[in-house]
């Protein structure tokens, strides 16, 4: 993903983030999805 694609994704995601909790939930979800995609598996424990 290049810088332009990442910025477009971030702008779209930001539309639904209204509170600190929303941001925290989004961050946790993004980390989990990234780990799963990178390693092809779910994390051994839910640290996110």
N, C-alpha and C. Protein backbone atom coordinates (compact mmCIF):
# COMPACT_ATOMS: atom_id res chain seq x y z
N UNK A 1 0.86 -1.16 0.00
CA UNK A 1 0.00 0.00 0.00
C UNK A 1 0.92 1.23 0.00
N UNK A 2 0.65 2.11 -0.91
CA UNK A 2 1.47 3.31 -0.97
C UNK A 2 0.87 4.42 -0.09
N UNK A 3 1.60 5.51 0.01
CA UNK A 3 1.21 6.62 0.88
C UNK A 3 -0.17 7.16 0.52
N UNK A 4 -0.45 7.29 -0.76
CA UNK A 4 -1.73 7.85 -1.23
C UNK A 4 -2.90 6.93 -0.84
N UNK A 5 -2.72 5.63 -1.03
CA UNK A 5 -3.76 4.66 -0.66
C UNK A 5 -3.99 4.65 0.84
N UNK A 6 -2.91 4.72 1.59
CA UNK A 6 -3.01 4.72 3.05
C UNK A 6 -3.74 5.96 3.55
N UNK A 7 -3.44 7.11 2.97
CA UNK A 7 -4.11 8.34 3.36
C UNK A 7 -5.61 8.28 3.05
N UNK A 8 -5.97 7.74 1.88
CA UNK A 8 -7.38 7.61 1.52
C UNK A 8 -8.10 6.67 2.49
N UNK A 9 -7.44 5.57 2.86
CA UNK A 9 -8.02 4.63 3.81
C UNK A 9 -8.22 5.31 5.17
N UNK A 10 -7.21 6.04 5.62
CA UNK A 10 -7.28 6.71 6.93
C UNK A 10 -8.40 7.75 6.95
N UNK A 11 -8.55 8.50 5.89
CA UNK A 11 -9.61 9.51 5.83
C UNK A 11 -10.99 8.86 5.89
N UNK A 12 -11.16 7.76 5.19
CA UNK A 12 -12.45 7.06 5.20
C UNK A 12 -12.72 6.48 6.59
N UNK A 13 -11.72 5.86 7.19
CA UNK A 13 -11.88 5.27 8.53
C UNK A 13 -12.18 6.34 9.57
N UNK A 14 -11.57 7.49 9.44
CA UNK A 14 -11.75 8.57 10.41
C UNK A 14 -13.18 9.07 10.48
N UNK A 15 -13.95 8.87 9.44
CA UNK A 15 -15.34 9.33 9.42
C UNK A 15 -16.18 8.65 10.50
N UNK A 16 -15.82 7.44 10.87
CA UNK A 16 -16.62 6.71 11.87
C UNK A 16 -16.02 6.78 13.27
N UNK A 17 -14.89 7.44 13.42
CA UNK A 17 -14.25 7.55 14.73
C UNK A 17 -14.66 8.86 15.38
N UNK A 18 -15.44 8.75 16.44
CA UNK A 18 -15.98 9.94 17.11
C UNK A 18 -15.48 10.09 18.54
N UNK A 19 -15.08 9.00 19.18
CA UNK A 19 -14.67 9.05 20.58
C UNK A 19 -13.33 8.35 20.77
N UNK A 20 -12.75 8.52 21.95
CA UNK A 20 -11.51 7.81 22.27
C UNK A 20 -11.71 6.30 22.20
N UNK A 21 -12.88 5.85 22.63
CA UNK A 21 -13.18 4.42 22.58
C UNK A 21 -13.24 3.92 21.14
N UNK A 22 -13.86 4.70 20.26
CA UNK A 22 -13.90 4.34 18.84
C UNK A 22 -12.48 4.20 18.28
N UNK A 23 -11.62 5.14 18.63
CA UNK A 23 -10.24 5.11 18.15
C UNK A 23 -9.50 3.91 18.69
N UNK A 24 -9.69 3.61 19.96
CA UNK A 24 -9.05 2.46 20.58
C UNK A 24 -9.53 1.16 19.93
N UNK A 25 -10.83 1.04 19.72
CA UNK A 25 -11.39 -0.16 19.08
C UNK A 25 -10.86 -0.32 17.66
N UNK A 26 -10.81 0.78 16.92
CA UNK A 26 -10.31 0.73 15.55
C UNK A 26 -8.83 0.33 15.53
N UNK A 27 -8.05 0.90 16.42
CA UNK A 27 -6.63 0.59 16.50
C UNK A 27 -6.41 -0.90 16.80
N UNK A 28 -7.17 -1.42 17.75
CA UNK A 28 -7.07 -2.83 18.11
C UNK A 28 -7.45 -3.72 16.93
N UNK A 29 -8.52 -3.37 16.24
CA UNK A 29 -8.97 -4.16 15.10
C UNK A 29 -7.93 -4.12 13.98
N UNK A 30 -7.38 -2.94 13.70
CA UNK A 30 -6.40 -2.80 12.63
C UNK A 30 -5.14 -3.60 12.92
N UNK A 31 -4.68 -3.58 14.16
CA UNK A 31 -3.50 -4.37 14.55
C UNK A 31 -3.77 -5.86 14.37
N UNK A 32 -4.93 -6.29 14.81
CA UNK A 32 -5.27 -7.71 14.72
C UNK A 32 -5.35 -8.17 13.27
N UNK A 33 -6.01 -7.40 12.43
CA UNK A 33 -6.15 -7.75 11.02
C UNK A 33 -4.78 -7.75 10.34
N UNK A 34 -3.93 -6.80 10.70
CA UNK A 34 -2.59 -6.72 10.11
C UNK A 34 -1.75 -7.93 10.49
N UNK A 35 -1.80 -8.33 11.75
CA UNK A 35 -1.06 -9.52 12.20
C UNK A 35 -1.58 -10.76 11.48
N UNK A 36 -2.89 -10.91 11.41
CA UNK A 36 -3.48 -12.07 10.74
C UNK A 36 -3.07 -12.12 9.27
N UNK A 37 -3.09 -10.99 8.59
CA UNK A 37 -2.73 -10.95 7.17
C UNK A 37 -1.24 -11.20 6.97
N UNK A 38 -0.42 -10.67 7.86
CA UNK A 38 1.02 -10.81 7.72
C UNK A 38 1.49 -12.23 7.94
N UNK A 39 0.93 -12.88 8.95
CA UNK A 39 1.39 -14.21 9.31
C UNK A 39 0.46 -15.33 8.87
N UNK A 40 -0.67 -14.96 8.29
CA UNK A 40 -1.60 -15.97 7.79
C UNK A 40 -2.31 -16.74 8.87
N UNK A 41 -2.36 -16.19 10.06
CA UNK A 41 -3.00 -16.87 11.18
C UNK A 41 -3.44 -15.86 12.22
N UNK A 42 -4.27 -16.29 13.12
CA UNK A 42 -4.68 -15.43 14.23
C UNK A 42 -3.59 -15.44 15.30
N UNK A 43 -3.48 -14.36 16.06
CA UNK A 43 -2.49 -14.35 17.15
C UNK A 43 -2.77 -15.47 18.15
N UNK A 44 -1.71 -15.95 18.79
CA UNK A 44 -1.87 -17.03 19.78
C UNK A 44 -2.65 -16.55 20.99
N UNK A 45 -2.56 -15.30 21.30
CA UNK A 45 -3.32 -14.73 22.40
C UNK A 45 -3.81 -13.36 21.96
N UNK A 46 -4.85 -12.92 22.59
CA UNK A 46 -5.49 -11.66 22.18
C UNK A 46 -4.85 -10.49 22.90
N UNK A 47 -3.67 -10.08 22.40
CA UNK A 47 -2.97 -8.97 23.03
C UNK A 47 -3.41 -7.63 22.45
N UNK A 48 -4.27 -7.66 21.45
CA UNK A 48 -4.71 -6.44 20.82
C UNK A 48 -6.11 -6.18 21.26
